[in-house]
Protein backbone atom coordinates (compact mmCIF):
# COMPACT_ATOMS: atom_id res chain seq x y z
CA MET A 1 -8.28 -0.35 -0.62
CA LEU A 2 -9.14 -3.81 -1.98
CA ASP A 3 -9.95 -7.12 -0.28
CA GLU A 4 -10.31 -10.68 -1.58
CA ASN A 5 -14.05 -10.49 -2.10
CA ASN A 6 -13.84 -7.87 -5.01
CA THR A 7 -14.71 -5.15 -2.47
CA MET A 8 -13.01 -1.95 -2.25
CA PHE A 9 -13.40 0.86 0.29
CA VAL A 10 -13.77 4.54 -0.73
CA ILE A 11 -14.09 7.70 1.28
CA ASP A 12 -17.14 9.74 0.30
CA ASP A 13 -17.44 13.49 0.31
CA GLU A 14 -18.44 13.41 3.97
CA GLY A 15 -15.43 11.48 5.03
CA ASN A 16 -17.18 8.12 5.52
CA GLU A 17 -15.74 4.93 4.41
CA ARG A 18 -17.97 3.05 2.05
CA ALA A 19 -17.69 -0.48 0.71
CA MET A 20 -18.08 -0.80 -3.12
CA GLU A 21 -18.31 -3.78 -5.23
CA ILE A 22 -15.74 -4.00 -8.13
CA ILE A 23 -17.47 -4.94 -11.38
CA LEU A 24 -14.24 -5.03 -13.45
CA THR A 25 -10.88 -3.43 -14.03
CA PHE A 26 -9.13 -2.74 -17.41
CA THR A 27 -6.41 -0.84 -19.01
CA ASP A 28 -7.11 1.46 -21.95
CA GLU A 29 -4.95 0.22 -24.66
CA ASN A 30 -4.74 3.72 -26.26
CA THR A 31 -3.59 5.61 -23.15
CA GLY A 32 -2.34 2.90 -20.78
CA LYS A 33 -4.45 4.25 -18.09
CA ASN A 34 -6.06 1.84 -15.61
CA TYR A 35 -9.70 1.98 -14.74
CA VAL A 36 -12.04 0.41 -12.28
CA LEU A 37 -15.84 0.20 -12.55
CA PHE A 38 -17.73 -0.27 -9.32
CA GLN A 39 -21.03 0.18 -7.59
CA GLU A 40 -22.63 0.00 -4.10
CA PRO A 41 -23.46 -3.61 -3.28
CA ASP A 42 -27.28 -2.86 -3.31
CA GLY A 43 -27.03 -0.05 -5.86
CA ASP A 44 -27.77 0.30 -9.58
CA ASP A 45 -25.39 3.19 -10.42
CA VAL A 46 -21.90 2.25 -11.80
CA PHE A 47 -19.06 4.49 -10.95
CA ALA A 48 -15.84 4.71 -12.98
CA ALA A 49 -12.43 5.81 -11.64
CA GLU A 50 -8.90 5.92 -12.89
CA TYR A 51 -6.20 4.31 -10.67
CA ASP A 52 -2.48 4.38 -10.47
CA ASP A 53 0.10 1.81 -9.37
CA ASP A 54 -0.32 2.95 -5.72
CA GLY A 55 -4.03 2.32 -5.76
CA ASN A 56 -5.03 5.94 -5.80
CA LEU A 57 -8.40 6.77 -7.29
CA THR A 58 -9.50 9.63 -9.45
CA MET A 59 -13.15 9.72 -10.39
CA VAL A 60 -13.79 9.83 -14.04
CA GLU A 61 -15.62 13.08 -15.07
CA ASP A 62 -14.68 13.38 -18.68
CA GLU A 63 -17.65 12.53 -20.97
CA GLU A 64 -15.55 10.83 -23.55
CA VAL A 65 -13.77 8.63 -20.96
CA LEU A 66 -17.11 7.85 -19.24
CA SER A 67 -18.45 6.82 -22.72
CA MET A 68 -15.41 4.54 -23.29
CA CYS A 69 -16.03 3.05 -19.87
CA GLY A 70 -19.69 2.39 -20.72
CA GLU A 71 -18.68 0.59 -23.98
CA VAL A 72 -16.27 -1.56 -22.01
CA LEU A 73 -18.99 -2.35 -19.48
CA ASP A 74 -21.54 -3.28 -22.24
CA ALA A 75 -19.05 -5.56 -23.89
CA PHE A 76 -18.30 -7.20 -20.49
CA ASP A 77 -22.10 -7.69 -19.95
CA VAL A 78 -22.53 -9.29 -23.39
CA GLU A 79 -19.51 -11.60 -22.65
CA GLU A 80 -20.86 -12.55 -19.19
CA ALA A 81 -24.28 -13.44 -20.64
CA ASP A 82 -22.70 -15.85 -23.29
C-alpha cells in the first residue's frame, strides 16, 4: 500500500505492518518487470521487490536481479548528486 508521502506499508514475517520509504521505482526494459527499491525510514539497508499491476510485492532474492537493482540505484544516486 502506497501513500502520497512516498511511503508504503509492508507486512513483516511476524505479521506486523511496517512503514517503508520508497527510494525509487523502475521497469526493467529487458523483462518489462516493475521494481521498487525501499528502506526503513531510519535504516540503511535497501530492499528490492518486484510488483505487479495490483501492487502485490515479491521480494527479490535472485542475485542477478539484485545486482541489476544495485546498478540502477547507483545510477540514481549519481544523477541525484548532480
